[in-house]
C-alpha atoms as a PDB file:
ATOM      1  CA  UNK A   1      17.162  27.812  -3.322  1.00  0.00           C
ATOM      2  CA  UNK A   2      16.561  30.329  -0.545  1.00  0.00           C
ATOM      3  CA  UNK A   3      17.166  29.399   3.077  1.00  0.00           C
ATOM      4  CA  UNK A   4      13.871  29.269   4.982  1.00  0.00           C
ATOM      5  CA  UNK A   5      13.516  31.489   8.035  1.00  0.00           C
ATOM      6  CA  UNK A   6      10.628  31.878  10.448  1.00  0.00           C
ATOM      7  CA  UNK A   7       9.885  34.175  13.396  1.00  0.00           C
ATOM      8  CA  UNK A   8       8.038  32.769  16.379  1.00  0.00           C
ATOM      9  CA  UNK A   9       7.688  32.577  20.141  1.00  0.00           C
ATOM     10  CA  UNK A  10       9.424  30.016  22.356  1.00  0.00           C
ATOM     11  CA  UNK A  11       6.707  27.923  24.036  1.00  0.00           C
ATOM     12  CA  UNK A  12       8.979  25.360  25.729  1.00  0.00           C
ATOM     13  CA  UNK A  13      12.603  25.391  26.872  1.00  0.00           C
ATOM     14  CA  UNK A  14      12.554  22.236  29.008  1.00  0.00           C
ATOM     15  CA  UNK A  15      14.938  20.199  26.807  1.00  0.00           C
ATOM     16  CA  UNK A  16      18.717  20.457  26.698  1.00  0.00           C
ATOM     17  CA  UNK A  17      19.874  22.603  23.738  1.00  0.00           C
ATOM     18  CA  UNK A  18      16.398  22.443  22.176  1.00  0.00           C
ATOM     19  CA  UNK A  19      13.465  24.845  22.218  1.00  0.00           C
ATOM     20  CA  UNK A  20       9.963  24.536  20.792  1.00  0.00           C
ATOM     21  CA  UNK A  21       9.001  27.572  18.705  1.00  0.00           C
ATOM     22  CA  UNK A  22       5.386  28.337  17.774  1.00  0.00           C
ATOM     23  CA  UNK A  23       5.052  30.160  14.442  1.00  0.00           C
ATOM     24  CA  UNK A  24       1.725  31.806  13.589  1.00  0.00           C
ATOM     25  CA  UNK A  25       0.491  32.066  10.017  1.00  0.00           C
ATOM     26  CA  UNK A  26      -2.415  34.433   9.393  1.00  0.00           C
ATOM     27  CA  UNK A  27      -4.149  34.068   6.028  1.00  0.00           C
ATOM     28  CA  UNK A  28      -7.636  34.633   4.677  1.00  0.00           C
ATOM     29  CA  UNK A  29      -9.847  31.571   4.284  1.00  0.00           C
ATOM     30  CA  UNK A  30      -9.997  30.710   0.565  1.00  0.00           C
ATOM     31  CA  UNK A  31     -13.803  30.673   0.405  1.00  0.00           C
ATOM     32  CA  UNK A  32     -15.063  32.843   3.272  1.00  0.00           C
ATOM     33  CA  UNK A  33     -12.327  35.466   3.518  1.00  0.00           C
ATOM     34  CA  UNK A  34     -12.110  35.438   7.323  1.00  0.00           C
ATOM     35  CA  UNK A  35      -8.560  35.684   8.663  1.00  0.00           C
ATOM     36  CA  UNK A  36      -7.623  32.236   9.975  1.00  0.00           C
ATOM     37  CA  UNK A  37      -4.700  31.721  12.365  1.00  0.00           C
ATOM     38  CA  UNK A  38      -2.674  28.539  11.948  1.00  0.00           C
ATOM     39  CA  UNK A  39       0.047  27.705  14.489  1.00  0.00           C
ATOM     40  CA  UNK A  40       2.924  25.385  13.634  1.00  0.00           C
ATOM     41  CA  UNK A  41       5.432  24.197  16.244  1.00  0.00           C
ATOM     42  CA  UNK A  42       9.074  23.651  15.310  1.00  0.00           C
ATOM     43  CA  UNK A  43      11.855  22.134  17.420  1.00  0.00           C
ATOM     44  CA  UNK A  44      14.955  24.287  17.077  1.00  0.00           C
ATOM     45  CA  UNK A  45      18.551  23.816  18.220  1.00  0.00           C
ATOM     46  CA  UNK A  46      19.721  26.315  20.859  1.00  0.00           C
ATOM     47  CA  UNK A  47      23.432  25.599  21.385  1.00  0.00           C
ATOM     48  CA  UNK A  48      23.962  27.990  24.321  1.00  0.00           C
ATOM     49  CA  UNK A  49      20.643  27.223  26.091  1.00  0.00           C
ATOM     50  CA  UNK A  50      19.971  30.972  26.221  1.00  0.00           C
ATOM     51  CA  UNK A  51      16.351  31.033  24.960  1.00  0.00           C
ATOM     52  CA  UNK A  52      13.622  31.240  27.583  1.00  0.00           C
ATOM     53  CA  UNK A  53       9.895  30.707  27.360  1.00  0.00           C
ATOM     54  CA  UNK A  54       8.181  33.736  25.830  1.00  0.00           C
ATOM     55  CA  UNK A  55      11.214  34.951  23.852  1.00  0.00           C
ATOM     56  CA  UNK A  56      10.612  36.017  20.248  1.00  0.00           C
ATOM     57  CA  UNK A  57      13.220  34.299  18.053  1.00  0.00           C
ATOM     58  CA  UNK A  58      14.266  33.889  14.413  1.00  0.00           C
ATOM     59  CA  UNK A  59      14.879  30.281  13.350  1.00  0.00           C
ATOM     60  CA  UNK A  60      16.546  28.991  10.197  1.00  0.00           C
ATOM     61  CA  UNK A  61      16.211  25.648   8.435  1.00  0.00           C
ATOM     62  CA  UNK A  62      19.258  23.372   8.563  1.00  0.00           C
ATOM     63  CA  UNK A  63      20.262  19.749   8.057  1.00  0.00           C
ATOM     64  CA  UNK A  64      18.509  17.163  10.255  1.00  0.00           C
ATOM     65  CA  UNK A  65      20.005  17.361  13.751  1.00  0.00           C
ATOM     66  CA  UNK A  66      17.789  14.644  15.257  1.00  0.00           C
ATOM     67  CA  UNK A  67      14.604  12.769  14.393  1.00  0.00           C
ATOM     68  CA  UNK A  68      12.402  15.859  14.789  1.00  0.00           C
ATOM     69  CA  UNK A  69      14.858  18.767  14.871  1.00  0.00           C
ATOM     70  CA  UNK A  70      15.562  20.532  11.545  1.00  0.00           C
ATOM     71  CA  UNK A  71      15.806  24.184  12.646  1.00  0.00           C
ATOM     72  CA  UNK A  72      18.403  26.258  14.487  1.00  0.00           C
ATOM     73  CA  UNK A  73      17.919  29.490  16.487  1.00  0.00           C
ATOM     74  CA  UNK A  74      19.673  32.345  14.643  1.00  0.00           C
ATOM     75  CA  UNK A  75      18.873  35.231  16.976  1.00  0.00           C
ATOM     76  CA  UNK A  76      16.708  36.320  19.880  1.00  0.00           C
ATOM     77  CA  UNK A  77      14.628  39.280  18.694  1.00  0.00           C
ATOM     78  CA  UNK A  78      13.118  40.162  22.082  1.00  0.00           C
ATOM     79  CA  UNK A  79      13.291  38.666  25.537  1.00  0.00           C
ATOM     80  CA  UNK A  80      10.308  37.644  27.611  1.00  0.00           C
ATOM     81  CA  UNK A  81       9.415  40.042  30.403  1.00  0.00           C
ATOM     82  CA  UNK A  82      10.043  38.605  33.836  1.00  0.00           C
ATOM     83  CA  UNK A  83       7.559  39.449  36.541  1.00  0.00           C
END
């Protein structure tokens, strides 16, 4: 069985060692063909607390770490621009 990985954007970093990652899925509607965007939010473990809001990250599925947390941040692909 392959390990699941997703790429998304950090939408919240308010918790200790946890970030909320929004992953977009774009797929055509089965009947009408229009591209529909579905967003799914995952809680991911961030051991070093280094992810910030707006960062693009790769997350990987892991064993349950808490009631809602089943993903871990593998790498930060790009940092959010600070202005």
